[in-house]
Amino acid sequence: QLQLAESGGGLVQPGGSLRLSCVGSGFTLDYYAVGWFRQAPGKEREGVSCISSEFEITTYLDSAKGRFTISRDNAKSTVYLQMNSLKPEDTAVYYCAADSWCSQPNFGAWGQGTQVTVSS
């Protein structure tokens, strides 16, 4: 059974950067596509980015393009989300999730989330 754990969230000023990490355990993470999602208070959860397992094809939410970068280190069973030029509207709980493909509508494995707060 694959288990995921996020870390790296925190409080940062607008324009700052954070790097989120998603560590997989219990199964080989390189077999899975891994996505990052976020949910802000009063809003529905939205997909931020995803990276495929085989060719590491990446996708991004339009508002994240040019600012966020997803990557993976299979040797460390870890997927990262580098977030630069953060804006207050990026404030949310960020989750990572894994399944067979990025197009999967309902990911099977989820972490518990990490809070990202962008405020001055």
PDB file of N, CA and C in Angstrom:
ATOM      1  N   GLN A   1       0.837  -1.178   0.000  1.00  0.00           N
ATOM      2  CA  GLN A   1       0.000   0.000   0.000  1.00  0.00           C
ATOM      3  C   GLN A   1       0.884   1.244   0.000  1.00  0.00           C
ATOM      4  N   LEU A   2       0.661   2.121  -0.961  1.00  0.00           N
ATOM      5  CA  LEU A   2       1.428   3.344  -1.054  1.00  0.00           C
ATOM      6  C   LEU A   2       0.882   4.372  -0.061  1.00  0.00           C
ATOM      7  N   GLN A   3       1.782   4.975   0.683  1.00  0.00           N
ATOM      8  CA  GLN A   3       1.431   6.049   1.599  1.00  0.00           C
ATOM      9  C   GLN A   3       2.232   7.285   1.228  1.00  0.00           C
ATOM     10  N   LEU A   4       1.612   8.450   1.383  1.00  0.00           N
ATOM     11  CA  LEU A   4       2.233   9.708   1.002  1.00  0.00           C
ATOM     12  C   LEU A   4       2.254  10.668   2.180  1.00  0.00           C
ATOM     13  N   ALA A   5       3.301  11.468   2.240  1.00  0.00           N
ATOM     14  CA  ALA A   5       3.424  12.459   3.291  1.00  0.00           C
ATOM     15  C   ALA A   5       4.005  13.745   2.709  1.00  0.00           C
ATOM     16  N   GLU A   6       3.282  14.853   2.873  1.00  0.00           N
ATOM     17  CA  GLU A   6       3.740  16.149   2.393  1.00  0.00           C
ATOM     18  C   GLU A   6       4.486  16.898   3.489  1.00  0.00           C
ATOM     19  N   SER A   7       5.380  17.768   3.065  1.00  0.00           N
ATOM     20  CA  SER A   7       6.070  18.658   3.980  1.00  0.00           C
ATOM     21  C   SER A   7       6.547  19.881   3.208  1.00  0.00           C
ATOM     22  N   GLY A   8       6.965  20.902   3.926  1.00  0.00           N
ATOM     23  CA  GLY A   8       7.534  22.078   3.305  1.00  0.00           C
ATOM     24  C   GLY A   8       6.664  23.311   3.313  1.00  0.00           C
ATOM     25  N   GLY A   9       5.433  23.188   3.764  1.00  0.00           N
ATOM     26  CA  GLY A   9       4.561  24.339   3.828  1.00  0.00           C
ATOM     27  C   GLY A   9       4.973  25.290   4.937  1.00  0.00           C
ATOM     28  N   GLY A  10       4.363  26.464   4.928  1.00  0.00           N
ATOM     29  CA  GLY A  10       4.671  27.447   5.937  1.00  0.00           C
ATOM     30  C   GLY A  10       4.148  28.808   5.563  1.00  0.00           C
ATOM     31  N   LEU A  11       4.564  29.803   6.312  1.00  0.00           N
ATOM     32  CA  LEU A  11       4.186  31.191   6.075  1.00  0.00           C
ATOM     33  C   LEU A  11       5.286  31.885   5.294  1.00  0.00           C
ATOM     34  N   VAL A  12       4.907  32.531   4.206  1.00  0.00           N
ATOM     35  CA  VAL A  12       5.872  33.219   3.363  1.00  0.00           C
ATOM     36  C   VAL A  12       5.256  34.525   2.868  1.00  0.00           C
ATOM     37  N   GLN A  13       6.088  35.528   2.659  1.00  0.00           N
ATOM     38  CA  GLN A  13       5.615  36.808   2.150  1.00  0.00           C
ATOM     39  C   GLN A  13       5.367  36.739   0.650  1.00  0.00           C
ATOM     40  N   PRO A  14       4.476  37.583   0.133  1.00  0.00           N
ATOM     41  CA  PRO A  14       4.270  37.624  -1.312  1.00  0.00           C
ATOM     42  C   PRO A  14       5.586  37.810  -2.058  1.00  0.00           C
ATOM     43  N   GLY A  15       5.747  37.058  -3.139  1.00  0.00           N
ATOM     44  CA  GLY A  15       6.980  37.075  -3.896  1.00  0.00           C
ATOM     45  C   GLY A  15       8.006  36.068  -3.432  1.00  0.00           C
ATOM     46  N   GLY A  16       7.761  35.440  -2.310  1.00  0.00           N
ATOM     47  CA  GLY A  16       8.679  34.458  -1.773  1.00  0.00           C
ATOM     48  C   GLY A  16       8.526  33.096  -2.410  1.00  0.00           C
ATOM     49  N   SER A  17       9.301  32.144  -1.907  1.00  0.00           N
ATOM     50  CA  SER A  17       9.330  30.802  -2.473  1.00  0.00           C
ATOM     51  C   SER A  17       9.218  29.740  -1.392  1.00  0.00           C
ATOM     52  N   LEU A  18       8.666  28.612  -1.771  1.00  0.00           N
ATOM     53  CA  LEU A  18       8.619  27.423  -0.938  1.00  0.00           C
ATOM     54  C   LEU A  18       8.830  26.206  -1.824  1.00  0.00           C
ATOM     55  N   ARG A  19       9.392  25.165  -1.253  1.00  0.00           N
ATOM     56  CA  ARG A  19       9.483  23.895  -1.947  1.00  0.00           C
ATOM     57  C   ARG A  19       8.763  22.835  -1.131  1.00  0.00           C
ATOM     58  N   LEU A  20       7.716  22.287  -1.706  1.00  0.00           N
ATOM     59  CA  LEU A  20       6.966  21.226  -1.069  1.00  0.00           C
ATOM     60  C   LEU A  20       7.533  19.875  -1.477  1.00  0.00           C
ATOM     61  N   SER A  21       7.507  18.941  -0.546  1.00  0.00           N
ATOM     62  CA  SER A  21       7.971  17.593  -0.812  1.00  0.00           C
ATOM     63  C   SER A  21       6.856  16.597  -0.544  1.00  0.00           C
ATOM     64  N   CYS A  22       6.804  15.567  -1.353  1.00  0.00           N
ATOM     65  CA  CYS A  22       5.854  14.484  -1.186  1.00  0.00           C
ATOM     66  C   CYS A  22       6.645  13.186  -1.201  1.00  0.00           C
ATOM     67  N   VAL A  23       6.712  12.526  -0.063  1.00  0.00           N
ATOM     68  CA  VAL A  23       7.501  11.311   0.077  1.00  0.00           C
ATOM     69  C   VAL A  23       6.575  10.101   0.096  1.00  0.00           C
ATOM     70  N   GLY A  24       6.863   9.151  -0.756  1.00  0.00           N
ATOM     71  CA  GLY A  24       6.092   7.929  -0.807  1.00  0.00           C
ATOM     72  C   GLY A  24       6.770   6.801  -0.052  1.00  0.00           C
ATOM     73  N   SER A  25       5.972   5.940   0.539  1.00  0.00           N
ATOM     74  CA  SER A  25       6.484   4.776   1.243  1.00  0.00           C
ATOM     75  C   SER A  25       5.501   3.627   1.089  1.00  0.00           C
ATOM     76  N   GLY A  26       5.973   2.421   1.331  1.00  0.00           N
ATOM     77  CA  GLY A  26       5.120   1.249   1.243  1.00  0.00           C
ATOM     78  C   GLY A  26       5.083   0.611  -0.133  1.00  0.00           C
ATOM     79  N   PHE A  27       5.459   1.359  -1.169  1.00  0.00           N
ATOM     80  CA  PHE A  27       5.505   0.855  -2.522  1.00  0.00           C
ATOM     81  C   PHE A  27       6.391   1.768  -3.352  1.00  0.00           C
ATOM     82  N   THR A  28       6.842   1.283  -4.495  1.00  0.00           N
ATOM     83  CA  THR A  28       7.755   2.048  -5.339  1.00  0.00           C
ATOM     84  C   THR A  28       7.018   3.207  -6.001  1.00  0.00           C
ATOM     85  N   LEU A  29       7.415   4.417  -5.645  1.00  0.00           N
ATOM     86  CA  LEU A  29       6.712   5.599  -6.129  1.00  0.00           C
ATOM     87  C   LEU A  29       6.892   5.815  -7.626  1.00  0.00           C
ATOM     88  N   ASP A  30       7.977   5.332  -8.206  1.00  0.00           N
ATOM     89  CA  ASP A  30       8.229   5.583  -9.624  1.00  0.00           C
ATOM     90  C   ASP A  30       7.220   4.908 -10.539  1.00  0.00           C
ATOM     91  N   TYR A  31       6.390   4.013 -10.007  1.00  0.00           N
ATOM     92  CA  TYR A  31       5.332   3.409 -10.805  1.00  0.00           C
ATOM     93  C   TYR A  31       4.111   4.318 -10.940  1.00  0.00           C
ATOM     94  N   TYR A  32       4.094   5.417 -10.226  1.00  0.00           N
ATOM     95  CA  TYR A  32       2.892   6.231 -10.119  1.00  0.00           C
ATOM     96  C   TYR A  32       3.058   7.622 -10.700  1.00  0.00           C
ATOM     97  N   ALA A  33       1.967   8.122 -11.276  1.00  0.00           N
ATOM     98  CA  ALA A  33       1.851   9.545 -11.519  1.00  0.00           C
ATOM     99  C   ALA A  33       1.525  10.228 -10.193  1.00  0.00           C
ATOM    100  N   VAL A  34       2.086  11.397  -9.984  1.00  0.00           N
ATOM    101  CA  VAL A  34       1.871  12.123  -8.740  1.00  0.00           C
ATOM    102  C   VAL A  34       1.400  13.535  -9.053  1.00  0.00           C
ATOM    103  N   GLY A  35       0.322  13.920  -8.422  1.00  0.00           N
ATOM    104  CA  GLY A  35      -0.225  15.247  -8.621  1.00  0.00           C
ATOM    105  C   GLY A  35      -0.233  16.048  -7.337  1.00  0.00           C
ATOM    106  N   TRP A  36      -0.179  17.364  -7.495  1.00  0.00           N
ATOM    107  CA  TRP A  36      -0.359  18.292  -6.394  1.00  0.00           C
ATOM    108  C   TRP A  36      -1.702  18.987  -6.549  1.00  0.00           C
ATOM    109  N   PHE A  37      -2.434  19.057  -5.467  1.00  0.00           N
ATOM    110  CA  PHE A  37      -3.731  19.701  -5.415  1.00  0.00           C
ATOM    111  C   PHE A  37      -3.729  20.714  -4.275  1.00  0.00           C
ATOM    112  N   ARG A  38      -4.658  21.633  -4.323  1.00  0.00           N
ATOM    113  CA  ARG A  38      -4.774  22.580  -3.219  1.00  0.00           C
ATOM    114  C   ARG A  38      -6.235  22.916  -2.972  1.00  0.00           C
ATOM    115  N   GLN A  39      -6.517  23.286  -1.746  1.00  0.00           N
ATOM    116  CA  GLN A  39      -7.856  23.690  -1.375  1.00  0.00           C
ATOM    117  C   GLN A  39      -7.771  24.873  -0.418  1.00  0.00           C
ATOM    118  N   ALA A  40      -8.363  25.976  -0.832  1.00  0.00           N
ATOM    119  CA  ALA A  40      -8.420  27.172  -0.013  1.00  0.00           C
ATOM    120  C   ALA A  40      -9.755  27.216   0.712  1.00  0.00           C
ATOM    121  N   PRO A  41      -9.829  27.934   1.836  1.00  0.00           N
ATOM    122  CA  PRO A  41     -11.090  28.030   2.571  1.00  0.00           C
ATOM    123  C   PRO A  41     -12.222  28.557   1.692  1.00  0.00           C
ATOM    124  N   GLY A  42     -13.349  27.860   1.705  1.00  0.00           N
ATOM    125  CA  GLY A  42     -14.501  28.267   0.938  1.00  0.00           C
ATOM    126  C   GLY A  42     -14.443  27.940  -0.532  1.00  0.00           C
ATOM    127  N   LYS A  43     -13.389  27.266  -0.977  1.00  0.00           N
ATOM    128  CA  LYS A  43     -13.240  26.923  -2.379  1.00  0.00           C
ATOM    129  C   LYS A  43     -13.089  25.418  -2.556  1.00  0.00           C
ATOM    130  N   GLU A  44     -13.399  24.956  -3.749  1.00  0.00           N
ATOM    131  CA  GLU A  44     -13.233  23.549  -4.062  1.00  0.00           C
ATOM    132  C   GLU A  44     -11.774  23.223  -4.329  1.00  0.00           C
ATOM    133  N   ARG A  45     -11.428  21.971  -4.122  1.00  0.00           N
ATOM    134  CA  ARG A  45     -10.082  21.517  -4.403  1.00  0.00           C
ATOM    135  C   ARG A  45      -9.788  21.616  -5.896  1.00  0.00           C
ATOM    136  N   GLU A  46      -8.590  22.057  -6.235  1.00  0.00           N
ATOM    137  CA  GLU A  46      -8.198  22.171  -7.624  1.00  0.00           C
ATOM    138  C   GLU A  46      -6.834  21.538  -7.848  1.00  0.00           C
ATOM    139  N   GLY A  47      -6.647  21.002  -9.030  1.00  0.00           N
ATOM    140  CA  GLY A  47      -5.361  20.439  -9.391  1.00  0.00           C
ATOM    141  C   GLY A  47      -4.369  21.532  -9.726  1.00  0.00           C
ATOM    142  N   VAL A  48      -3.175  21.432  -9.193  1.00  0.00           N
ATOM    143  CA  VAL A  48      -2.131  22.421  -9.414  1.00  0.00           C
ATOM    144  C   VAL A  48      -1.124  21.940 -10.450  1.00  0.00           C
ATOM    145  N   SER A  49      -0.694  20.703 -10.318  1.00  0.00           N
ATOM    146  CA  SER A  49       0.320  20.165 -11.204  1.00  0.00           C
ATOM    147  C   SER A  49       0.322  18.650 -11.110  1.00  0.00           C
ATOM    148  N   CYS A  50       0.881  18.012 -12.131  1.00  0.00           N
ATOM    149  CA  CYS A  50       1.001  16.558 -12.116  1.00  0.00           C
ATOM    150  C   CYS A  50       2.221  16.159 -12.930  1.00  0.00           C
ATOM    151  N   ILE A  51       2.836  15.059 -12.548  1.00  0.00           N
ATOM    152  CA  ILE A  51       3.974  14.520 -13.278  1.00  0.00           C
ATOM    153  C   ILE A  51       3.737  13.035 -13.502  1.00  0.00           C
ATOM    154  N   SER A  52       3.915  12.592 -14.737  1.00  0.00           N
ATOM    155  CA  SER A  52       3.658  11.204 -15.075  1.00  0.00           C
ATOM    156  C   SER A  52       4.804  10.316 -14.616  1.00  0.00           C
ATOM    157  N   SER A  53       4.571   9.010 -14.652  1.00  0.00           N
ATOM    158  CA  SER A  53       5.558   8.065 -14.144  1.00  0.00           C
ATOM    159  C   SER A  53       6.641   7.716 -15.151  1.00  0.00           C
ATOM    160  N   GLU A  54       6.277   7.481 -16.408  1.00  0.00           N
ATOM    161  CA  GLU A  54       7.211   6.931 -17.379  1.00  0.00           C
ATOM    162  C   GLU A  54       8.104   7.983 -18.026  1.00  0.00           C
ATOM    163  N   PHE A  55       7.515   9.002 -18.606  1.00  0.00           N
ATOM    164  CA  PHE A  55       8.274  10.023 -19.315  1.00  0.00           C
ATOM    165  C   PHE A  55       8.338  11.353 -18.568  1.00  0.00           C
ATOM    166  N   GLU A  56       7.798  11.387 -17.374  1.00  0.00           N
ATOM    167  CA  GLU A  56       7.804  12.572 -16.526  1.00  0.00           C
ATOM    168  C   GLU A  56       7.229  13.785 -17.242  1.00  0.00           C
ATOM    169  N   ILE A  57       6.132  13.544 -17.941  1.00  0.00           N
ATOM    170  CA  ILE A  57       5.400  14.633 -18.568  1.00  0.00           C
ATOM    171  C   ILE A  57       4.704  15.437 -17.474  1.00  0.00           C
ATOM    172  N   THR A  58       4.779  16.740 -17.577  1.00  0.00           N
ATOM    173  CA  THR A  58       4.237  17.601 -16.533  1.00  0.00           C
ATOM    174  C   THR A  58       3.090  18.444 -17.048  1.00  0.00           C
ATOM    175  N   THR A  59       2.144  18.717 -16.171  1.00  0.00           N
ATOM    176  CA  THR A  59       1.031  19.606 -16.458  1.00  0.00           C
ATOM    177  C   THR A  59       0.881  20.584 -15.305  1.00  0.00           C
ATOM    178  N   TYR A  60       0.323  21.759 -15.611  1.00  0.00           N
ATOM    179  CA  TYR A  60       0.184  22.804 -14.612  1.00  0.00           C
ATOM    180  C   TYR A  60      -1.145  23.526 -14.748  1.00  0.00           C
ATOM    181  N   LEU A  61      -1.664  23.937 -13.617  1.00  0.00           N
ATOM    182  CA  LEU A  61      -2.761  24.889 -13.600  1.00  0.00           C
ATOM    183  C   LEU A  61      -2.280  26.174 -14.274  1.00  0.00           C
ATOM    184  N   ASP A  62      -3.139  26.812 -15.054  1.00  0.00           N
ATOM    185  CA  ASP A  62      -2.721  27.996 -15.801  1.00  0.00           C
ATOM    186  C   ASP A  62      -2.100  29.062 -14.901  1.00  0.00           C
ATOM    187  N   SER A  63      -2.684  29.277 -13.745  1.00  0.00           N
ATOM    188  CA  SER A  63      -2.184  30.306 -12.845  1.00  0.00           C
ATOM    189  C   SER A  63      -0.841  29.940 -12.218  1.00  0.00           C
ATOM    190  N   ALA A  64      -0.443  28.676 -12.328  1.00  0.00           N
ATOM    191  CA  ALA A  64       0.825  28.226 -11.765  1.00  0.00           C
ATOM    192  C   ALA A  64       1.949  28.195 -12.785  1.00  0.00           C
ATOM    193  N   LYS A  65       1.624  28.229 -14.059  1.00  0.00           N
ATOM    194  CA  LYS A  65       2.629  28.146 -15.109  1.00  0.00           C
ATOM    195  C   LYS A  65       3.611  29.309 -15.011  1.00  0.00           C
ATOM    196  N   GLY A  66       4.885  28.976 -15.130  1.00  0.00           N
ATOM    197  CA  GLY A  66       5.928  29.980 -15.042  1.00  0.00           C
ATOM    198  C   GLY A  66       6.367  30.292 -13.635  1.00  0.00           C
ATOM    199  N   ARG A  67       5.612  29.847 -12.654  1.00  0.00           N
ATOM    200  CA  ARG A  67       5.949  30.085 -11.252  1.00  0.00           C
ATOM    201  C   ARG A  67       6.248  28.798 -10.494  1.00  0.00           C
ATOM    202  N   PHE A  68       5.523  27.737 -10.814  1.00  0.00           N
ATOM    203  CA  PHE A  68       5.670  26.459 -10.115  1.00  0.00           C
ATOM    204  C   PHE A  68       6.364  25.452 -11.019  1.00  0.00           C
ATOM    205  N   THR A  69       7.151  24.571 -10.414  1.00  0.00           N
ATOM    206  CA  THR A  69       7.812  23.507 -11.142  1.00  0.00           C
ATOM    207  C   THR A  69       7.688  22.210 -10.364  1.00  0.00           C
ATOM    208  N   ILE A  70       7.160  21.182 -11.017  1.00  0.00           N
ATOM    209  CA  ILE A  70       7.059  19.874 -10.401  1.00  0.00           C
ATOM    210  C   ILE A  70       8.205  19.004 -10.905  1.00  0.00           C
ATOM    211  N   SER A  71       8.757  18.190 -10.027  1.00  0.00           N
ATOM    212  CA  SER A  71       9.840  17.292 -10.397  1.00  0.00           C
ATOM    213  C   SER A  71       9.788  16.065  -9.503  1.00  0.00           C
ATOM    214  N   ARG A  72      10.526  15.040  -9.889  1.00  0.00           N
ATOM    215  CA  ARG A  72      10.554  13.848  -9.057  1.00  0.00           C
ATOM    216  C   ARG A  72      11.950  13.277  -8.977  1.00  0.00           C
ATOM    217  N   ASP A  73      12.242  12.655  -7.849  1.00  0.00           N
ATOM    218  CA  ASP A  73      13.491  11.956  -7.611  1.00  0.00           C
ATOM    219  C   ASP A  73      13.102  10.554  -7.169  1.00  0.00           C
ATOM    220  N   ASN A  74      13.052   9.648  -8.120  1.00  0.00           N
ATOM    221  CA  ASN A  74      12.575   8.302  -7.820  1.00  0.00           C
ATOM    222  C   ASN A  74      13.491   7.562  -6.847  1.00  0.00           C
ATOM    223  N   ALA A  75      14.780   7.864  -6.877  1.00  0.00           N
ATOM    224  CA  ALA A  75      15.710   7.226  -5.958  1.00  0.00           C
ATOM    225  C   ALA A  75      15.366   7.558  -4.511  1.00  0.00           C
ATOM    226  N   LYS A  76      14.798   8.743  -4.293  1.00  0.00           N
ATOM    227  CA  LYS A  76      14.382   9.161  -2.959  1.00  0.00           C
ATOM    228  C   LYS A  76      12.891   8.986  -2.742  1.00  0.00           C
ATOM    229  N   SER A  77      12.203   8.441  -3.731  1.00  0.00           N
ATOM    230  CA  SER A  77      10.760   8.243  -3.675  1.00  0.00           C
ATOM    231  C   SER A  77      10.049   9.544  -3.300  1.00  0.00           C
ATOM    232  N   THR A  78      10.454  10.625  -3.954  1.00  0.00           N
ATOM    233  CA  THR A  78       9.964  11.947  -3.592  1.00  0.00           C
ATOM    234  C   THR A  78       9.582  12.747  -4.836  1.00  0.00           C
ATOM    235  N   VAL A  79       8.487  13.469  -4.732  1.00  0.00           N
ATOM    236  CA  VAL A  79       8.070  14.432  -5.742  1.00  0.00           C
ATOM    237  C   VAL A  79       8.058  15.807  -5.097  1.00  0.00           C
ATOM    238  N   TYR A  80       8.561  16.792  -5.829  1.00  0.00           N
ATOM    239  CA  TYR A  80       8.676  18.143  -5.314  1.00  0.00           C
ATOM    240  C   TYR A  80       7.765  19.098  -6.076  1.00  0.00           C
ATOM    241  N   LEU A  81       7.373  20.145  -5.408  1.00  0.00           N
ATOM    242  CA  LEU A  81       6.716  21.268  -6.059  1.00  0.00           C
ATOM    243  C   LEU A  81       7.442  22.533  -5.629  1.00  0.00           C
ATOM    244  N   GLN A  82       8.246  23.069  -6.528  1.00  0.00           N
ATOM    245  CA  GLN A  82       8.928  24.329  -6.274  1.00  0.00           C
ATOM    246  C   GLN A  82       7.986  25.466  -6.623  1.00  0.00           C
ATOM    247  N   MET A  83       7.723  26.328  -5.674  1.00  0.00           N
ATOM    248  CA  MET A  83       6.786  27.418  -5.853  1.00  0.00           C
ATOM    249  C   MET A  83       7.526  28.739  -5.676  1.00  0.00           C
ATOM    250  N   ASN A  84       7.586  29.511  -6.739  1.00  0.00           N
ATOM    251  CA  ASN A  84       8.234  30.818  -6.729  1.00  0.00           C
ATOM    252  C   ASN A  84       7.205  31.908  -6.977  1.00  0.00           C
ATOM    253  N   SER A  85       7.595  33.125  -6.677  1.00  0.00           N
ATOM    254  CA  SER A  85       6.731  34.291  -6.897  1.00  0.00           C
ATOM    255  C   SER A  85       5.347  34.070  -6.320  1.00  0.00           C
ATOM    256  N   LEU A  86       5.309  33.614  -5.099  1.00  0.00           N
ATOM    257  CA  LEU A  86       4.037  33.264  -4.470  1.00  0.00           C
ATOM    258  C   LEU A  86       3.155  34.489  -4.267  1.00  0.00           C
ATOM    259  N   LYS A  87       1.862  34.269  -4.418  1.00  0.00           N
ATOM    260  CA  LYS A  87       0.853  35.303  -4.288  1.00  0.00           C
ATOM    261  C   LYS A  87      -0.109  34.937  -3.167  1.00  0.00           C
ATOM    262  N   PRO A  88      -0.780  35.915  -2.582  1.00  0.00           N
ATOM    263  CA  PRO A  88      -1.754  35.602  -1.533  1.00  0.00           C
ATOM    264  C   PRO A  88      -2.810  34.591  -1.977  1.00  0.00           C
ATOM    265  N   GLU A  89      -3.193  34.619  -3.243  1.00  0.00           N
ATOM    266  CA  GLU A  89      -4.189  33.679  -3.731  1.00  0.00           C
ATOM    267  C   GLU A  89      -3.676  32.248  -3.831  1.00  0.00           C
ATOM    268  N   ASP A  90      -2.385  32.044  -3.608  1.00  0.00           N
ATOM    269  CA  ASP A  90      -1.840  30.692  -3.540  1.00  0.00           C
ATOM    270  C   ASP A  90      -2.061  30.057  -2.173  1.00  0.00           C
ATOM    271  N   THR A  91      -2.543  30.829  -1.227  1.00  0.00           N
ATOM    272  CA  THR A  91      -2.779  30.316   0.117  1.00  0.00           C
ATOM    273  C   THR A  91      -3.797  29.184   0.088  1.00  0.00           C
ATOM    274  N   ALA A  92      -3.417  28.045   0.624  1.00  0.00           N
ATOM    275  CA  ALA A  92      -4.276  26.870   0.609  1.00  0.00           C
ATOM    276  C   ALA A  92      -3.573  25.743   1.346  1.00  0.00           C
ATOM    277  N   VAL A  93      -4.316  24.679   1.594  1.00  0.00           N
ATOM    278  CA  VAL A  93      -3.704  23.429   2.001  1.00  0.00           C
ATOM    279  C   VAL A  93      -3.339  22.670   0.735  1.00  0.00           C
ATOM    280  N   TYR A  94      -2.094  22.256   0.637  1.00  0.00           N
ATOM    281  CA  TYR A  94      -1.602  21.560  -0.538  1.00  0.00           C
ATOM    282  C   TYR A  94      -1.473  20.068  -0.243  1.00  0.00           C
ATOM    283  N   TYR A  95      -1.996  19.270  -1.155  1.00  0.00           N
ATOM    284  CA  TYR A  95      -1.980  17.824  -1.024  1.00  0.00           C
ATOM    285  C   TYR A  95      -1.256  17.199  -2.208  1.00  0.00           C
ATOM    286  N   CYS A  96      -0.575  16.103  -1.971  1.00  0.00           N
ATOM    287  CA  CYS A  96      -0.099  15.296  -3.074  1.00  0.00           C
ATOM    288  C   CYS A  96      -0.919  14.019  -3.135  1.00  0.00           C
ATOM    289  N   ALA A  97      -1.031  13.478  -4.333  1.00  0.00           N
ATOM    290  CA  ALA A  97      -1.815  12.273  -4.553  1.00  0.00           C
ATOM    291  C   ALA A  97      -1.180  11.463  -5.671  1.00  0.00           C
ATOM    292  N   ALA A  98      -1.379  10.155  -5.634  1.00  0.00           N
ATOM    293  CA  ALA A  98      -0.750   9.275  -6.604  1.00  0.00           C
ATOM    294  C   ALA A  98      -1.736   8.263  -7.155  1.00  0.00           C
ATOM    295  N   ASP A  99      -1.578   7.958  -8.428  1.00  0.00           N
ATOM    296  CA  ASP A  99      -2.331   6.907  -9.079  1.00  0.00           C
ATOM    297  C   ASP A  99      -1.598   6.545 -10.363  1.00  0.00           C
ATOM    298  N   SER A 100      -2.242   5.768 -11.220  1.00  0.00           N
ATOM    299  CA  SER A 100      -1.561   5.250 -12.406  1.00  0.00           C
ATOM    300  C   SER A 100      -1.268   6.324 -13.448  1.00  0.00           C
ATOM    301  N   TRP A 101      -2.196   7.264 -13.631  1.00  0.00           N
ATOM    302  CA  TRP A 101      -2.069   8.279 -14.663  1.00  0.00           C
ATOM    303  C   TRP A 101      -2.524   9.633 -14.143  1.00  0.00           C
ATOM    304  N   CYS A 102      -1.963  10.697 -14.701  1.00  0.00           N
ATOM    305  CA  CYS A 102      -2.379  12.034 -14.327  1.00  0.00           C
ATOM    306  C   CYS A 102      -3.826  12.317 -14.713  1.00  0.00           C
ATOM    307  N   SER A 103      -4.337  11.598 -15.696  1.00  0.00           N
ATOM    308  CA  SER A 103      -5.713  11.789 -16.128  1.00  0.00           C
ATOM    309  C   SER A 103      -6.721  11.081 -15.233  1.00  0.00           C
ATOM    310  N   GLN A 104      -6.246  10.342 -14.257  1.00  0.00           N
ATOM    311  CA  GLN A 104      -7.140   9.655 -13.334  1.00  0.00           C
ATOM    312  C   GLN A 104      -8.029  10.671 -12.617  1.00  0.00           C
ATOM    313  N   PRO A 105      -9.359  10.503 -12.695  1.00  0.00           N
ATOM    314  CA  PRO A 105     -10.232  11.503 -12.072  1.00  0.00           C
ATOM    315  C   PRO A 105     -10.223  11.468 -10.552  1.00  0.00           C
ATOM    316  N   ASN A 106      -9.986  10.316  -9.980  1.00  0.00           N
ATOM    317  CA  ASN A 106      -9.976  10.170  -8.531  1.00  0.00           C
ATOM    318  C   ASN A 106      -8.719   9.423  -8.114  1.00  0.00           C
ATOM    319  N   PHE A 107      -7.751  10.161  -7.623  1.00  0.00           N
ATOM    320  CA  PHE A 107      -6.496   9.549  -7.212  1.00  0.00           C
ATOM    321  C   PHE A 107      -6.708   8.654  -5.999  1.00  0.00           C
ATOM    322  N   GLY A 108      -5.989   7.542  -5.972  1.00  0.00           N
ATOM    323  CA  GLY A 108      -6.212   6.542  -4.946  1.00  0.00           C
ATOM    324  C   GLY A 108      -5.490   6.770  -3.642  1.00  0.00           C
ATOM    325  N   ALA A 109      -4.318   7.370  -3.685  1.00  0.00           N
ATOM    326  CA  ALA A 109      -3.522   7.595  -2.485  1.00  0.00           C
ATOM    327  C   ALA A 109      -3.315   9.087  -2.268  1.00  0.00           C
ATOM    328  N   TRP A 110      -3.538   9.537  -1.046  1.00  0.00           N
ATOM    329  CA  TRP A 110      -3.440  10.962  -0.698  1.00  0.00           C
ATOM    330  C   TRP A 110      -2.632  11.157   0.564  1.00  0.00           C
ATOM    331  N   GLY A 111      -1.913  12.264   0.605  1.00  0.00           N
ATOM    332  CA  GLY A 111      -1.283  12.682   1.836  1.00  0.00           C
ATOM    333  C   GLY A 111      -2.250  13.478   2.685  1.00  0.00           C
ATOM    334  N   GLN A 112      -1.781  13.913   3.839  1.00  0.00           N
ATOM    335  CA  GLN A 112      -2.626  14.641   4.774  1.00  0.00           C
ATOM    336  C   GLN A 112      -2.640  16.143   4.526  1.00  0.00           C
ATOM    337  N   GLY A 113      -1.758  16.636   3.714  1.00  0.00           N
ATOM    338  CA  GLY A 113      -1.737  18.042   3.366  1.00  0.00           C
ATOM    339  C   GLY A 113      -0.732  18.849   4.164  1.00  0.00           C
ATOM    340  N   THR A 114      -0.312  19.960   3.571  1.00  0.00           N
ATOM    341  CA  THR A 114       0.576  20.901   4.242  1.00  0.00           C
ATOM    342  C   THR A 114       0.092  22.319   3.939  1.00  0.00           C
ATOM    343  N   GLN A 115       0.027  23.144   4.964  1.00  0.00           N
ATOM    344  CA  GLN A 115      -0.524  24.490   4.831  1.00  0.00           C
ATOM    345  C   GLN A 115       0.496  25.439   4.222  1.00  0.00           C
ATOM    346  N   VAL A 116       0.063  26.167   3.203  1.00  0.00           N
ATOM    347  CA  VAL A 116       0.852  27.235   2.612  1.00  0.00           C
ATOM    348  C   VAL A 116       0.091  28.535   2.801  1.00  0.00           C
ATOM    349  N   THR A 117       0.711  29.484   3.466  1.00  0.00           N
ATOM    350  CA  THR A 117       0.093  30.784   3.694  1.00  0.00           C
ATOM    351  C   THR A 117       1.000  31.868   3.142  1.00  0.00           C
ATOM    352  N   VAL A 118       0.464  32.672   2.237  1.00  0.00           N
ATOM    353  CA  VAL A 118       1.210  33.761   1.619  1.00  0.00           C
ATOM    354  C   VAL A 118       0.597  35.068   2.099  1.00  0.00           C
ATOM    355  N   SER A 119       1.315  35.773   2.930  1.00  0.00           N
ATOM    356  CA  SER A 119       0.790  36.988   3.533  1.00  0.00           C
ATOM    357  C   SER A 119       1.933  37.872   3.999  1.00  0.00           C
ATOM    358  N   SER A 120       1.710  39.165   3.932  1.00  0.00           N
ATOM    359  CA  SER A 120       2.678  40.120   4.439  1.00  0.00           C
ATOM    360  C   SER A 120       2.358  40.549   5.861  1.00  0.00           C
TER     361      SER A 120
END
